[in-house]
Amino acid sequence: MSDAPTTVQPAAPPTMSIGTHPRFRRTVRRARALGGLIGFTVTIVLSLRAGVPAWDAVARSLMAGVAVHLVAWAVAVAVVKQLMIAELQAAYARRLERFEARAELARADA
């Protein structure tokens, strides 16, 4: 056995993030994927219809797909943050209502 003193780490306060929330994490991933695919598809179709050589059309489509992917990611994160805030406020309001109802019952019993 060692004579080293043991230290107890205090528990970290619970945090909510997009990465730890399964539904919101899935939503952001889906938005990123769809954004990239839609950007790529629209650009390749428009480029080929305009008569751009296939090599150039694919290069343009890849760049557009990456750009739309990043824009979709930023938009999805902004929207999901607002949804998370609204979800937390709704949970707080429900908890406050339950607390007030219990307090009212306690006052009525007293």
Protein backbone atom coordinates (compact mmCIF):
# COMPACT_ATOMS: atom_id res chain seq x y z
CA MET A 1 0.00 0.00 0.00
CA SER A 2 1.16 3.49 -0.65
CA ASP A 3 1.30 6.23 1.93
CA ALA A 4 0.28 8.91 -0.58
CA PRO A 5 -2.75 10.87 0.52
CA THR A 6 -5.86 10.37 -1.56
CA THR A 7 -7.62 13.34 -3.01
CA VAL A 8 -11.26 13.53 -3.87
CA GLN A 9 -12.10 15.45 -7.00
CA PRO A 10 -15.27 17.54 -6.75
CA ALA A 11 -17.94 16.56 -9.23
CA ALA A 12 -18.19 18.79 -12.27
CA PRO A 13 -21.50 20.61 -12.64
CA PRO A 14 -23.75 19.05 -15.27
CA THR A 15 -23.44 20.72 -18.63
CA MET A 16 -25.49 20.43 -21.75
CA SER A 17 -23.83 20.51 -25.13
CA ILE A 18 -24.73 19.52 -28.65
CA GLY A 19 -22.18 16.72 -28.53
CA THR A 20 -23.73 15.12 -25.45
CA HIS A 21 -27.36 15.44 -26.57
CA PRO A 22 -28.18 12.45 -28.81
CA ARG A 23 -31.10 14.01 -30.68
CA PHE A 24 -29.40 17.33 -31.38
CA ARG A 25 -26.10 15.68 -32.30
CA ARG A 26 -27.96 13.55 -34.84
CA THR A 27 -29.79 16.62 -36.19
CA VAL A 28 -26.54 18.52 -36.78
CA ARG A 29 -24.92 15.51 -38.46
CA ARG A 30 -27.92 15.05 -40.73
CA ALA A 31 -27.96 18.75 -41.69
CA ARG A 32 -24.24 18.67 -42.49
CA ALA A 33 -24.57 15.57 -44.66
CA LEU A 34 -27.63 16.79 -46.53
CA GLY A 35 -26.08 20.20 -47.07
CA GLY A 36 -22.95 18.71 -48.61
CA LEU A 37 -24.89 16.31 -50.82
CA ILE A 38 -27.34 18.94 -52.01
CA GLY A 39 -24.54 21.44 -52.72
CA PHE A 40 -22.59 18.83 -54.68
CA THR A 41 -25.64 17.58 -56.63
CA VAL A 42 -26.98 20.99 -57.60
CA THR A 43 -23.54 22.21 -58.68
CA ILE A 44 -22.73 19.15 -60.78
CA VAL A 45 -26.11 19.25 -62.53
CA LEU A 46 -25.88 22.96 -63.29
CA SER A 47 -22.25 22.71 -64.40
CA LEU A 48 -22.85 19.81 -66.77
CA ARG A 49 -25.95 21.47 -68.24
CA ALA A 50 -23.89 24.58 -68.87
CA GLY A 51 -21.38 22.57 -70.89
CA VAL A 52 -18.50 22.67 -68.42
CA PRO A 53 -16.04 19.78 -68.94
CA ALA A 54 -16.65 16.87 -66.56
CA TRP A 55 -13.34 17.29 -64.72
CA ASP A 56 -14.05 20.96 -64.00
CA ALA A 57 -17.67 20.21 -63.08
CA VAL A 58 -16.59 17.65 -60.50
CA ALA A 59 -13.96 20.00 -59.06
CA ARG A 60 -16.52 22.79 -58.77
CA SER A 61 -19.05 20.43 -57.24
CA LEU A 62 -16.61 19.21 -54.60
CA MET A 63 -15.76 22.78 -53.62
CA ALA A 64 -19.43 23.75 -53.52
CA GLY A 65 -20.29 20.64 -51.52
CA VAL A 66 -17.69 21.47 -48.90
CA ALA A 67 -18.80 25.10 -48.74
CA VAL A 68 -22.49 24.23 -48.37
CA HIS A 69 -21.56 21.55 -45.83
CA LEU A 70 -19.84 24.17 -43.66
CA VAL A 71 -22.68 26.67 -44.03
CA ALA A 72 -25.25 23.98 -43.15
CA TRP A 73 -23.17 23.05 -40.11
CA ALA A 74 -23.06 26.65 -38.87
CA VAL A 75 -26.79 27.15 -39.42
CA ALA A 76 -27.65 23.83 -37.75
CA VAL A 77 -25.54 24.64 -34.70
CA ALA A 78 -27.16 28.07 -34.36
CA VAL A 79 -30.67 26.61 -34.64
CA VAL A 80 -29.93 23.74 -32.27
CA LYS A 81 -28.51 26.11 -29.66
CA GLN A 82 -31.77 28.03 -29.66
CA LEU A 83 -33.74 24.78 -29.41
CA MET A 84 -31.61 23.70 -26.46
CA ILE A 85 -32.24 26.99 -24.69
CA ALA A 86 -35.98 26.69 -25.31
CA GLU A 87 -35.94 23.10 -24.04
CA LEU A 88 -34.13 24.13 -20.86
CA GLN A 89 -36.54 27.02 -20.26
CA ALA A 90 -39.53 24.72 -20.71
CA ALA A 91 -38.05 22.19 -18.26
CA TYR A 92 -37.39 24.98 -15.77
CA ALA A 93 -40.98 26.24 -16.11
CA ARG A 94 -42.40 22.73 -15.57
CA ARG A 95 -40.22 22.22 -12.50
CA LEU A 96 -41.19 25.62 -11.10
CA GLU A 97 -44.90 24.81 -11.56
CA ARG A 98 -44.48 21.50 -9.71
CA PHE A 99 -42.59 23.23 -6.92
CA GLU A 100 -45.29 25.89 -6.57
CA ALA A 101 -48.02 23.23 -6.57
CA ARG A 102 -46.24 21.32 -3.80
CA ALA A 103 -45.77 24.50 -1.82
CA GLU A 104 -49.48 25.28 -2.17
CA LEU A 105 -50.39 21.80 -0.95
CA ALA A 106 -48.04 22.18 2.01
CA ARG A 107 -49.63 25.52 2.90
CA ALA A 108 -53.11 24.02 2.63
CA ASP A 109 -52.17 21.14 4.94
CA ALA A 110 -50.64 23.45 7.52
